[in-house]
Amino acid sequence: MGAGRVAGVTRAKAVLSRRLGASGARDIAASGTPAGALRRLTDSPYRRGLDAGATLEEAQRAVTSTLLWNLRVLAGWQPRDGVNALRVLAAGFEIANVRDLLRASAGADSPPPYRLRALATAWPRISRARTNTGVRAALAASPWGDPGADSPAALVTGMRISAAVRMASTVPCAGDWAAGRAALLVARERFVSGRRLTEPSARRASRLLGPEAVRAPSFPEFRRLLPRAARWATEGAGRAEDLWRAEAHWWKRIEQDGLALARRSGYGIEPVVGAVAVLSADAWRVRGALELAARGGPAGEADDVLV
């Protein structure tokens, strides 16, 4: 067992203390005002880079920036396979950068890109693109692969499906997470947004969900045809309109599985993957709690599920 592996797992277990937890998120949501939520957030593990006068969007951005910072620190303690796993698990930050780049190209205001450093897959090259066509070309020449079209929806959805496939192949202990995530992505794209997947994205999604599910004509039929590894993610969503419940269910499963992986003995990659899952779920919950506080505090089923 190499020293790098021992140090990487030890650091992964240590970063679990850098989360707020469900009770802390409830406190933020119950503050009832943006100012009250910010006061609580400044006394939390997410205070790094947080401005006392931040807007809701800026506070939520600070939360995800803190998560990225923790992942970058964790990557610095990993051997090569650990860094590769973290890069795949952190793919959402590169997707967010591309989404913001596309918005900026269309003339909308966008925040500065996340600083990915060792967790970047192809961002340095993608960031130089100035058109949607250029973004697509950069993706096609990278591990992301060709998304199949250059509309913003096709580019971002293509990256998300590609990220799920890469997670399943690179991080085997996260295979069910990846399949479940792909199921939610395809369901939302097809049965909520009403958009067809591009051929490359449909082909990639089929690797996790099966071609029959990807081609299903209705959401109930889609659910029925999903393999067991992906079907769990749609529990609680009898209709496509209920997919928000399924997403909350997905995050709850990720957190529970992550805690189990992080507590494993030994020095495999599993505790590192588990720590990333737990930190990511915590950041998702805190972002939701900030939004609830901005709306006046928890009230109703949606708020209970989110927090």
C-alpha atoms as a PDB file:
ATOM      1  CA  MET A   1       0.000   0.000   0.000  1.00  0.00           C
ATOM      2  CA  GLY A   2       1.580   3.264  -1.141  1.00  0.00           C
ATOM      3  CA  ALA A   3       1.898   6.297   1.076  1.00  0.00           C
ATOM      4  CA  GLY A   4      -0.155   8.313  -1.416  1.00  0.00           C
ATOM      5  CA  ARG A   5      -3.137   5.994  -1.048  1.00  0.00           C
ATOM      6  CA  VAL A   6      -2.962   6.076   2.753  1.00  0.00           C
ATOM      7  CA  ALA A   7      -2.706   9.873   2.789  1.00  0.00           C
ATOM      8  CA  GLY A   8      -5.516  10.225   0.263  1.00  0.00           C
ATOM      9  CA  VAL A   9      -7.966   8.089   2.236  1.00  0.00           C
ATOM     10  CA  THR A  10      -6.991   9.750   5.515  1.00  0.00           C
ATOM     11  CA  ARG A  11      -7.644  13.179   4.012  1.00  0.00           C
ATOM     12  CA  ALA A  12     -10.957  11.998   2.537  1.00  0.00           C
ATOM     13  CA  LYS A  13     -12.203  10.928   5.945  1.00  0.00           C
ATOM     14  CA  ALA A  14     -11.049  14.226   7.445  1.00  0.00           C
ATOM     15  CA  VAL A  15     -12.958  16.409   4.968  1.00  0.00           C
ATOM     16  CA  LEU A  16     -16.245  14.884   6.092  1.00  0.00           C
ATOM     17  CA  SER A  17     -16.159  17.399   8.938  1.00  0.00           C
ATOM     18  CA  ARG A  18     -16.533  20.204   6.358  1.00  0.00           C
ATOM     19  CA  ARG A  19     -20.272  19.849   5.963  1.00  0.00           C
ATOM     20  CA  LEU A  20     -23.264  21.487   7.559  1.00  0.00           C
ATOM     21  CA  GLY A  21     -25.568  18.501   7.733  1.00  0.00           C
ATOM     22  CA  ALA A  22     -29.361  18.328   7.601  1.00  0.00           C
ATOM     23  CA  SER A  23     -29.872  20.132  10.912  1.00  0.00           C
ATOM     24  CA  GLY A  24     -27.611  23.008   9.870  1.00  0.00           C
ATOM     25  CA  ALA A  25     -29.450  23.323   6.558  1.00  0.00           C
ATOM     26  CA  ARG A  26     -32.775  23.409   8.396  1.00  0.00           C
ATOM     27  CA  ASP A  27     -31.478  26.256  10.557  1.00  0.00           C
ATOM     28  CA  ILE A  28     -30.554  28.228   7.450  1.00  0.00           C
ATOM     29  CA  ALA A  29     -33.926  27.579   5.822  1.00  0.00           C
ATOM     30  CA  ALA A  30     -35.783  28.493   9.029  1.00  0.00           C
ATOM     31  CA  SER A  31     -33.982  31.846   9.293  1.00  0.00           C
ATOM     32  CA  GLY A  32     -36.730  33.158   7.013  1.00  0.00           C
ATOM     33  CA  THR A  33     -34.734  35.987   5.432  1.00  0.00           C
ATOM     34  CA  PRO A  34     -31.727  36.214   3.107  1.00  0.00           C
ATOM     35  CA  ALA A  35     -29.836  38.254   5.727  1.00  0.00           C
ATOM     36  CA  GLY A  36     -30.507  35.672   8.429  1.00  0.00           C
ATOM     37  CA  ALA A  37     -29.429  32.849   6.143  1.00  0.00           C
ATOM     38  CA  LEU A  38     -26.188  34.672   5.317  1.00  0.00           C
ATOM     39  CA  ARG A  39     -25.413  35.180   9.005  1.00  0.00           C
ATOM     40  CA  ARG A  40     -25.754  31.463   9.615  1.00  0.00           C
ATOM     41  CA  LEU A  41     -23.745  30.628   6.514  1.00  0.00           C
ATOM     42  CA  THR A  42     -20.837  32.839   7.594  1.00  0.00           C
ATOM     43  CA  ASP A  43     -20.573  30.684  10.728  1.00  0.00           C
ATOM     44  CA  SER A  44     -20.384  27.450   8.740  1.00  0.00           C
ATOM     45  CA  PRO A  45     -17.870  25.482   6.658  1.00  0.00           C
ATOM     46  CA  TYR A  46     -19.158  27.455   3.637  1.00  0.00           C
ATOM     47  CA  ARG A  47     -17.962  30.858   4.786  1.00  0.00           C
ATOM     48  CA  ARG A  48     -14.937  30.818   2.478  1.00  0.00           C
ATOM     49  CA  GLY A  49     -15.193  33.671  -0.029  1.00  0.00           C
ATOM     50  CA  LEU A  50     -18.666  34.662   1.167  1.00  0.00           C
ATOM     51  CA  ASP A  51     -19.564  38.353   1.038  1.00  0.00           C
ATOM     52  CA  ALA A  52     -21.797  39.595   3.864  1.00  0.00           C
ATOM     53  CA  GLY A  53     -23.952  41.412   1.313  1.00  0.00           C
ATOM     54  CA  ALA A  54     -24.179  38.556  -1.164  1.00  0.00           C
ATOM     55  CA  THR A  55     -27.311  37.954  -3.218  1.00  0.00           C
ATOM     56  CA  LEU A  56     -28.984  34.548  -3.195  1.00  0.00           C
ATOM     57  CA  GLU A  57     -27.201  33.552  -6.397  1.00  0.00           C
ATOM     58  CA  GLU A  58     -23.838  34.728  -5.046  1.00  0.00           C
ATOM     59  CA  ALA A  59     -24.337  32.843  -1.779  1.00  0.00           C
ATOM     60  CA  GLN A  60     -25.253  29.674  -3.644  1.00  0.00           C
ATOM     61  CA  ARG A  61     -22.210  30.149  -5.853  1.00  0.00           C
ATOM     62  CA  ALA A  62     -20.033  30.492  -2.746  1.00  0.00           C
ATOM     63  CA  VAL A  63     -21.375  27.159  -1.488  1.00  0.00           C
ATOM     64  CA  THR A  64     -20.465  25.315  -4.686  1.00  0.00           C
ATOM     65  CA  SER A  65     -17.115  27.125  -4.865  1.00  0.00           C
ATOM     66  CA  THR A  66     -16.329  25.861  -1.370  1.00  0.00           C
ATOM     67  CA  LEU A  67     -17.226  22.340  -2.464  1.00  0.00           C
ATOM     68  CA  LEU A  68     -14.868  22.659  -5.445  1.00  0.00           C
ATOM     69  CA  TRP A  69     -12.113  23.990  -3.195  1.00  0.00           C
ATOM     70  CA  ASN A  70     -12.463  20.960  -0.911  1.00  0.00           C
ATOM     71  CA  LEU A  71     -12.349  18.610  -3.895  1.00  0.00           C
ATOM     72  CA  ARG A  72      -9.240  20.299  -5.245  1.00  0.00           C
ATOM     73  CA  VAL A  73      -7.533  20.008  -1.854  1.00  0.00           C
ATOM     74  CA  LEU A  74      -8.569  16.368  -1.672  1.00  0.00           C
ATOM     75  CA  ALA A  75      -7.183  15.766  -5.176  1.00  0.00           C
ATOM     76  CA  GLY A  76      -3.824  17.095  -4.036  1.00  0.00           C
ATOM     77  CA  TRP A  77      -3.515  14.163  -1.645  1.00  0.00           C
ATOM     78  CA  GLN A  78      -4.478  11.439  -4.122  1.00  0.00           C
ATOM     79  CA  PRO A  79      -2.410   9.115  -6.285  1.00  0.00           C
ATOM     80  CA  ARG A  80      -3.142   9.190 -10.009  1.00  0.00           C
ATOM     81  CA  ASP A  81      -6.210   6.927  -9.997  1.00  0.00           C
ATOM     82  CA  GLY A  82      -7.706   8.968  -7.167  1.00  0.00           C
ATOM     83  CA  VAL A  83      -7.258  12.199  -9.125  1.00  0.00           C
ATOM     84  CA  ASN A  84      -8.852  10.576 -12.180  1.00  0.00           C
ATOM     85  CA  ALA A  85     -11.865   9.520 -10.113  1.00  0.00           C
ATOM     86  CA  LEU A  86     -12.205  12.994  -8.601  1.00  0.00           C
ATOM     87  CA  ARG A  87     -12.016  14.589 -12.041  1.00  0.00           C
ATOM     88  CA  VAL A  88     -14.942  12.470 -13.231  1.00  0.00           C
ATOM     89  CA  LEU A  89     -16.952  13.084 -10.060  1.00  0.00           C
ATOM     90  CA  ALA A  90     -16.365  16.843 -10.356  1.00  0.00           C
ATOM     91  CA  ALA A  91     -17.511  16.982 -13.994  1.00  0.00           C
ATOM     92  CA  GLY A  92     -20.507  19.116 -13.039  1.00  0.00           C
ATOM     93  CA  PHE A  93     -18.248  22.116 -12.488  1.00  0.00           C
ATOM     94  CA  GLU A  94     -16.907  21.941 -16.028  1.00  0.00           C
ATOM     95  CA  ILE A  95     -20.449  21.563 -17.323  1.00  0.00           C
ATOM     96  CA  ALA A  96     -21.439  24.675 -15.360  1.00  0.00           C
ATOM     97  CA  ASN A  97     -18.523  26.556 -16.907  1.00  0.00           C
ATOM     98  CA  VAL A  98     -19.646  25.574 -20.403  1.00  0.00           C
ATOM     99  CA  ARG A  99     -23.258  26.533 -19.634  1.00  0.00           C
ATOM    100  CA  ASP A 100     -22.096  29.968 -18.449  1.00  0.00           C
ATOM    101  CA  LEU A 101     -19.800  30.341 -21.465  1.00  0.00           C
ATOM    102  CA  LEU A 102     -22.753  29.696 -23.777  1.00  0.00           C
ATOM    103  CA  ARG A 103     -24.854  32.254 -21.922  1.00  0.00           C
ATOM    104  CA  ALA A 104     -22.086  34.827 -22.131  1.00  0.00           C
ATOM    105  CA  SER A 105     -21.745  34.164 -25.870  1.00  0.00           C
ATOM    106  CA  ALA A 106     -25.453  34.933 -26.180  1.00  0.00           C
ATOM    107  CA  GLY A 107     -24.989  38.253 -24.383  1.00  0.00           C
ATOM    108  CA  ALA A 108     -26.198  37.260 -20.915  1.00  0.00           C
ATOM    109  CA  ASP A 109     -24.366  38.090 -17.698  1.00  0.00           C
ATOM    110  CA  SER A 110     -22.387  35.141 -16.341  1.00  0.00           C
ATOM    111  CA  PRO A 111     -20.126  34.634 -13.321  1.00  0.00           C
ATOM    112  CA  PRO A 112     -16.407  33.960 -13.682  1.00  0.00           C
ATOM    113  CA  PRO A 113     -15.687  30.305 -14.451  1.00  0.00           C
ATOM    114  CA  TYR A 114     -14.926  27.856 -11.691  1.00  0.00           C
ATOM    115  CA  ARG A 115     -11.179  27.358 -11.274  1.00  0.00           C
ATOM    116  CA  LEU A 116     -10.801  23.654 -11.935  1.00  0.00           C
ATOM    117  CA  ARG A 117      -7.034  23.196 -12.071  1.00  0.00           C
ATOM    118  CA  ALA A 118      -6.259  19.440 -11.881  1.00  0.00           C
ATOM    119  CA  LEU A 119      -9.975  18.603 -12.006  1.00  0.00           C
ATOM    120  CA  ALA A 120     -10.422  19.986 -15.538  1.00  0.00           C
ATOM    121  CA  THR A 121     -11.163  17.522 -18.312  1.00  0.00           C
ATOM    122  CA  ALA A 122     -10.948  19.856 -21.316  1.00  0.00           C
ATOM    123  CA  TRP A 123     -11.877  23.287 -19.967  1.00  0.00           C
ATOM    124  CA  PRO A 124      -8.687  25.152 -21.017  1.00  0.00           C
ATOM    125  CA  ARG A 125      -9.399  24.315 -24.659  1.00  0.00           C
ATOM    126  CA  ILE A 126     -13.181  24.757 -24.428  1.00  0.00           C
ATOM    127  CA  SER A 127     -12.789  28.154 -22.746  1.00  0.00           C
ATOM    128  CA  ARG A 128     -11.133  29.535 -25.893  1.00  0.00           C
ATOM    129  CA  ALA A 129     -14.201  28.804 -28.030  1.00  0.00           C
ATOM    130  CA  ARG A 130     -16.254  31.836 -29.004  1.00  0.00           C
ATOM    131  CA  THR A 131     -19.202  30.160 -30.727  1.00  0.00           C
ATOM    132  CA  ASN A 132     -21.448  27.184 -30.070  1.00  0.00           C
ATOM    133  CA  THR A 133     -19.854  25.455 -33.036  1.00  0.00           C
ATOM    134  CA  GLY A 134     -16.441  26.015 -31.488  1.00  0.00           C
ATOM    135  CA  VAL A 135     -17.602  24.567 -28.168  1.00  0.00           C
ATOM    136  CA  ARG A 136     -18.952  21.493 -29.932  1.00  0.00           C
ATOM    137  CA  ALA A 137     -15.677  21.004 -31.808  1.00  0.00           C
ATOM    138  CA  ALA A 138     -13.671  21.275 -28.580  1.00  0.00           C
ATOM    139  CA  LEU A 139     -15.925  18.752 -26.869  1.00  0.00           C
ATOM    140  CA  ALA A 140     -15.730  16.349 -29.800  1.00  0.00           C
ATOM    141  CA  ALA A 141     -11.923  16.391 -29.612  1.00  0.00           C
ATOM    142  CA  SER A 142     -11.948  15.603 -25.874  1.00  0.00           C
ATOM    143  CA  PRO A 143     -13.090  12.790 -23.555  1.00  0.00           C
ATOM    144  CA  TRP A 144     -16.528  14.453 -23.501  1.00  0.00           C
ATOM    145  CA  GLY A 145     -17.188  13.381 -27.081  1.00  0.00           C
ATOM    146  CA  ASP A 146     -19.383  14.975 -29.726  1.00  0.00           C
ATOM    147  CA  PRO A 147     -22.761  16.039 -28.256  1.00  0.00           C
ATOM    148  CA  GLY A 148     -24.337  15.739 -31.711  1.00  0.00           C
ATOM    149  CA  ALA A 149     -25.553  19.326 -32.183  1.00  0.00           C
ATOM    150  CA  ASP A 150     -24.518  22.842 -31.216  1.00  0.00           C
ATOM    151  CA  SER A 151     -27.640  24.226 -29.547  1.00  0.00           C
ATOM    152  CA  PRO A 152     -27.086  25.118 -25.861  1.00  0.00           C
ATOM    153  CA  ALA A 153     -29.514  22.385 -24.760  1.00  0.00           C
ATOM    154  CA  ALA A 154     -27.790  19.727 -26.876  1.00  0.00           C
ATOM    155  CA  LEU A 155     -24.326  20.764 -25.711  1.00  0.00           C
ATOM    156  CA  VAL A 156     -25.141  20.784 -21.991  1.00  0.00           C
ATOM    157  CA  THR A 157     -27.321  17.660 -22.065  1.00  0.00           C
ATOM    158  CA  GLY A 158     -24.685  15.860 -24.100  1.00  0.00           C
ATOM    159  CA  MET A 159     -22.057  16.705 -21.495  1.00  0.00           C
ATOM    160  CA  ARG A 160     -24.282  15.557 -18.634  1.00  0.00           C
ATOM    161  CA  ILE A 161     -24.990  12.199 -20.244  1.00  0.00           C
ATOM    162  CA  SER A 162     -21.332  11.796 -21.145  1.00  0.00           C
ATOM    163  CA  ALA A 163     -20.398  12.530 -17.520  1.00  0.00           C
ATOM    164  CA  ALA A 164     -22.742   9.793 -16.294  1.00  0.00           C
ATOM    165  CA  VAL A 165     -21.253   7.254 -18.709  1.00  0.00           C
ATOM    166  CA  ARG A 166     -17.715   8.209 -17.722  1.00  0.00           C
ATOM    167  CA  MET A 167     -18.602   7.918 -14.051  1.00  0.00           C
ATOM    168  CA  ALA A 168     -19.980   4.415 -14.507  1.00  0.00           C
ATOM    169  CA  SER A 169     -16.880   3.242 -16.386  1.00  0.00           C
ATOM    170  CA  THR A 170     -14.237   5.055 -14.316  1.00  0.00           C
ATOM    171  CA  VAL A 171     -15.703   4.794 -10.805  1.00  0.00           C
ATOM    172  CA  PRO A 172     -17.376   1.354 -10.551  1.00  0.00           C
ATOM    173  CA  CYS A 173     -18.621   1.891  -6.990  1.00  0.00           C
ATOM    174  CA  ALA A 174     -20.636   4.851  -8.318  1.00  0.00           C
ATOM    175  CA  GLY A 175     -22.204   2.870 -11.170  1.00  0.00           C
ATOM    176  CA  ASP A 176     -25.756   2.925  -9.790  1.00  0.00           C
ATOM    177  CA  TRP A 177     -25.490   6.662  -9.093  1.00  0.00           C
ATOM    178  CA  ALA A 178     -24.478   7.231 -12.708  1.00  0.00           C
ATOM    179  CA  ALA A 179     -27.276   5.065 -14.097  1.00  0.00           C
ATOM    180  CA  GLY A 180     -29.839   6.782 -11.878  1.00  0.00           C
ATOM    181  CA  ARG A 181     -28.581  10.190 -12.890  1.00  0.00           C
ATOM    182  CA  ALA A 182     -28.791   9.270 -16.569  1.00  0.00           C
ATOM    183  CA  ALA A 183     -32.379   8.112 -16.068  1.00  0.00           C
ATOM    184  CA  LEU A 184     -33.352  11.456 -14.529  1.00  0.00           C
ATOM    185  CA  LEU A 185     -31.558  13.408 -17.260  1.00  0.00           C
ATOM    186  CA  VAL A 186     -33.215  11.513 -20.104  1.00  0.00           C
ATOM    187  CA  ALA A 187     -36.642  11.641 -18.444  1.00  0.00           C
ATOM    188  CA  ARG A 188     -36.474  15.381 -17.887  1.00  0.00           C
ATOM    189  CA  GLU A 189     -35.175  16.086 -21.375  1.00  0.00           C
ATOM    190  CA  ARG A 190     -37.743  13.930 -23.162  1.00  0.00           C
ATOM    191  CA  PHE A 191     -40.873  14.060 -21.030  1.00  0.00           C
ATOM    192  CA  VAL A 192     -40.625  17.495 -19.374  1.00  0.00           C
ATOM    193  CA  SER A 193     -38.686  19.654 -21.835  1.00  0.00           C
ATOM    194  CA  GLY A 194     -40.065  17.764 -24.843  1.00  0.00           C
ATOM    195  CA  ARG A 195     -36.724  17.575 -26.625  1.00  0.00           C
ATOM    196  CA  ARG A 196     -35.298  14.604 -28.496  1.00  0.00           C
ATOM    197  CA  LEU A 197     -31.816  13.447 -27.629  1.00  0.00           C
ATOM    198  CA  THR A 198     -29.206  13.794 -30.323  1.00  0.00           C
ATOM    199  CA  GLU A 199     -28.028  10.522 -31.815  1.00  0.00           C
ATOM    200  CA  PRO A 200     -24.680  10.511 -29.944  1.00  0.00           C
ATOM    201  CA  SER A 201     -26.369  11.335 -26.621  1.00  0.00           C
ATOM    202  CA  ALA A 202     -29.035   8.668 -27.157  1.00  0.00           C
ATOM    203  CA  ARG A 203     -26.328   6.131 -27.963  1.00  0.00           C
ATOM    204  CA  ARG A 204     -24.402   6.978 -24.804  1.00  0.00           C
ATOM    205  CA  ALA A 205     -27.523   6.939 -22.638  1.00  0.00           C
ATOM    206  CA  SER A 206     -28.376   3.504 -24.037  1.00  0.00           C
ATOM    207  CA  ARG A 207     -25.171   2.127 -22.559  1.00  0.00           C
ATOM    208  CA  LEU A 208     -26.578   2.788 -19.081  1.00  0.00           C
ATOM    209  CA  LEU A 209     -30.344   2.578 -19.631  1.00  0.00           C
ATOM    210  CA  GLY A 210     -30.769   0.265 -22.596  1.00  0.00           C
ATOM    211  CA  PRO A 211     -31.963   1.340 -26.068  1.00  0.00           C
ATOM    212  CA  GLU A 212     -35.598   0.366 -25.431  1.00  0.00           C
ATOM    213  CA  ALA A 213     -35.890   2.680 -22.415  1.00  0.00           C
ATOM    214  CA  VAL A 214     -34.241   5.544 -24.281  1.00  0.00           C
ATOM    215  CA  ARG A 215     -36.765   5.130 -27.124  1.00  0.00           C
ATOM    216  CA  ALA A 216     -39.803   4.675 -24.833  1.00  0.00           C
ATOM    217  CA  PRO A 217     -42.836   6.699 -26.005  1.00  0.00           C
ATOM    218  CA  SER A 218     -44.073   7.668 -22.513  1.00  0.00           C
ATOM    219  CA  PHE A 219     -42.736   8.251 -19.040  1.00  0.00           C
ATOM    220  CA  PRO A 220     -44.511   5.210 -17.485  1.00  0.00           C
ATOM    221  CA  GLU A 221     -43.109   3.008 -20.248  1.00  0.00           C
ATOM    222  CA  PHE A 222     -39.678   4.570 -19.768  1.00  0.00           C
ATOM    223  CA  ARG A 223     -39.755   3.687 -16.066  1.00  0.00           C
ATOM    224  CA  ARG A 224     -40.897   0.130 -16.793  1.00  0.00           C
ATOM    225  CA  LEU A 225     -38.062  -0.495 -19.260  1.00  0.00           C
ATOM    226  CA  LEU A 226     -35.254   0.895 -17.088  1.00  0.00           C
ATOM    227  CA  PRO A 227     -32.725  -1.598 -15.729  1.00  0.00           C
ATOM    228  CA  ARG A 228     -32.722  -2.081 -11.971  1.00  0.00           C
ATOM    229  CA  ALA A 229     -29.492  -0.088 -11.633  1.00  0.00           C
ATOM    230  CA  ALA A 230     -31.324   3.007 -12.911  1.00  0.00           C
ATOM    231  CA  ARG A 231     -34.982   2.422 -12.007  1.00  0.00           C
ATOM    232  CA  TRP A 232     -34.448   3.203  -8.312  1.00  0.00           C
ATOM    233  CA  ALA A 233     -33.834   6.871  -9.144  1.00  0.00           C
ATOM    234  CA  THR A 234     -37.378   7.341 -10.467  1.00  0.00           C
ATOM    235  CA  GLU A 235     -39.080   6.071  -7.310  1.00  0.00           C
ATOM    236  CA  GLY A 236     -41.662   8.545  -6.071  1.00  0.00           C
ATOM    237  CA  ALA A 237     -42.171   9.987  -9.556  1.00  0.00           C
ATOM    238  CA  GLY A 238     -45.329   8.443 -10.959  1.00  0.00           C
ATOM    239  CA  ARG A 239     -45.536  11.276 -13.487  1.00  0.00           C
ATOM    240  CA  ALA A 240     -42.851  13.236 -15.274  1.00  0.00           C
ATOM    241  CA  GLU A 241     -44.029  16.313 -13.359  1.00  0.00           C
ATOM    242  CA  ASP A 242     -42.866  14.607 -10.148  1.00  0.00           C
ATOM    243  CA  LEU A 243     -39.240  14.287 -11.207  1.00  0.00           C
ATOM    244  CA  TRP A 244     -38.248  16.920  -8.630  1.00  0.00           C
ATOM    245  CA  ARG A 245     -39.117  14.329  -5.955  1.00  0.00           C
ATOM    246  CA  ALA A 246     -36.966  11.791  -7.763  1.00  0.00           C
ATOM    247  CA  GLU A 247     -34.022  14.179  -7.812  1.00  0.00           C
ATOM    248  CA  ALA A 248     -34.300  14.663  -4.043  1.00  0.00           C
ATOM    249  CA  HIS A 249     -34.466  10.868  -3.687  1.00  0.00           C
ATOM    250  CA  TRP A 250     -31.329  10.558  -5.827  1.00  0.00           C
ATOM    251  CA  TRP A 251     -29.391  12.962  -3.584  1.00  0.00           C
ATOM    252  CA  LYS A 252     -30.574  11.178  -0.433  1.00  0.00           C
ATOM    253  CA  ARG A 253     -29.331   7.857  -1.814  1.00  0.00           C
ATOM    254  CA  ILE A 254     -26.017   9.415  -2.832  1.00  0.00           C
ATOM    255  CA  GLU A 255     -25.480  10.763   0.667  1.00  0.00           C
ATOM    256  CA  GLN A 256     -26.382   7.483   2.368  1.00  0.00           C
ATOM    257  CA  ASP A 257     -24.204   5.417   0.052  1.00  0.00           C
ATOM    258  CA  GLY A 258     -21.409   7.957   0.360  1.00  0.00           C
ATOM    259  CA  LEU A 259     -21.387   7.754   4.142  1.00  0.00           C
ATOM    260  CA  ALA A 260     -21.187   3.963   3.958  1.00  0.00           C
ATOM    261  CA  LEU A 261     -18.292   4.114   1.493  1.00  0.00           C
ATOM    262  CA  ALA A 262     -16.445   6.805   3.453  1.00  0.00           C
ATOM    263  CA  ARG A 263     -16.551   4.712   6.624  1.00  0.00           C
ATOM    264  CA  ARG A 264     -15.067   1.629   5.013  1.00  0.00           C
ATOM    265  CA  SER A 265     -11.833   0.344   6.432  1.00  0.00           C
ATOM    266  CA  GLY A 266      -8.831  -0.121   4.201  1.00  0.00           C
ATOM    267  CA  TYR A 267      -7.253   2.176   1.663  1.00  0.00           C
ATOM    268  CA  GLY A 268      -9.120   1.627  -1.578  1.00  0.00           C
ATOM    269  CA  ILE A 269     -10.720   4.362  -3.667  1.00  0.00           C
ATOM    270  CA  GLU A 270     -14.152   3.831  -2.061  1.00  0.00           C
ATOM    271  CA  PRO A 271     -13.690   6.139   0.977  1.00  0.00           C
ATOM    272  CA  VAL A 272     -12.556   8.938  -1.339  1.00  0.00           C
ATOM    273  CA  VAL A 273     -15.585   8.498  -3.604  1.00  0.00           C
ATOM    274  CA  GLY A 274     -17.815   8.375  -0.541  1.00  0.00           C
ATOM    275  CA  ALA A 275     -16.424  11.625   0.835  1.00  0.00           C
ATOM    276  CA  VAL A 276     -17.040  13.389  -2.479  1.00  0.00           C
ATOM    277  CA  ALA A 277     -20.638  12.135  -2.527  1.00  0.00           C
ATOM    278  CA  VAL A 278     -21.343  13.294   1.026  1.00  0.00           C
ATOM    279  CA  LEU A 279     -19.835  16.742   0.480  1.00  0.00           C
ATOM    280  CA  SER A 280     -21.709  17.154  -2.819  1.00  0.00           C
ATOM    281  CA  ALA A 281     -25.055  16.204  -1.282  1.00  0.00           C
ATOM    282  CA  ASP A 282     -24.452  18.598   1.592  1.00  0.00           C
ATOM    283  CA  ALA A 283     -23.737  21.470  -0.790  1.00  0.00           C
ATOM    284  CA  TRP A 284     -26.906  20.669  -2.761  1.00  0.00           C
ATOM    285  CA  ARG A 285     -28.962  20.747   0.446  1.00  0.00           C
ATOM    286  CA  VAL A 286     -27.436  24.035   1.650  1.00  0.00           C
ATOM    287  CA  ARG A 287     -28.102  25.705  -1.701  1.00  0.00           C
ATOM    288  CA  GLY A 288     -31.716  24.618  -1.385  1.00  0.00           C
ATOM    289  CA  ALA A 289     -31.906  25.896   2.190  1.00  0.00           C
ATOM    290  CA  LEU A 290     -30.687  29.315   1.054  1.00  0.00           C
ATOM    291  CA  GLU A 291     -33.455  29.453  -1.529  1.00  0.00           C
ATOM    292  CA  LEU A 292     -36.060  28.460   1.064  1.00  0.00           C
ATOM    293  CA  ALA A 293     -34.849  31.217   3.388  1.00  0.00           C
ATOM    294  CA  ALA A 294     -35.140  33.734   0.547  1.00  0.00           C
ATOM    295  CA  ARG A 295     -38.760  32.596   0.072  1.00  0.00           C
ATOM    296  CA  GLY A 296     -39.567  33.136   3.732  1.00  0.00           C
ATOM    297  CA  GLY A 297     -38.700  29.756   5.229  1.00  0.00           C
ATOM    298  CA  PRO A 298     -39.888  26.158   4.904  1.00  0.00           C
ATOM    299  CA  ALA A 299     -43.533  25.571   4.055  1.00  0.00           C
ATOM    300  CA  GLY A 300     -45.051  22.555   2.352  1.00  0.00           C
ATOM    301  CA  GLU A 301     -43.972  19.201   0.965  1.00  0.00           C
ATOM    302  CA  ALA A 302     -41.447  20.560  -1.522  1.00  0.00           C
ATOM    303  CA  ASP A 303     -39.588  22.373   1.231  1.00  0.00           C
ATOM    304  CA  ASP A 304     -39.598  19.301   3.496  1.00  0.00           C
ATOM    305  CA  VAL A 305     -38.219  17.099   0.710  1.00  0.00           C
ATOM    306  CA  LEU A 306     -35.549  19.593  -0.238  1.00  0.00           C
ATOM    307  CA  VAL A 307     -34.190  20.169   3.260  1.00  0.00           C
END
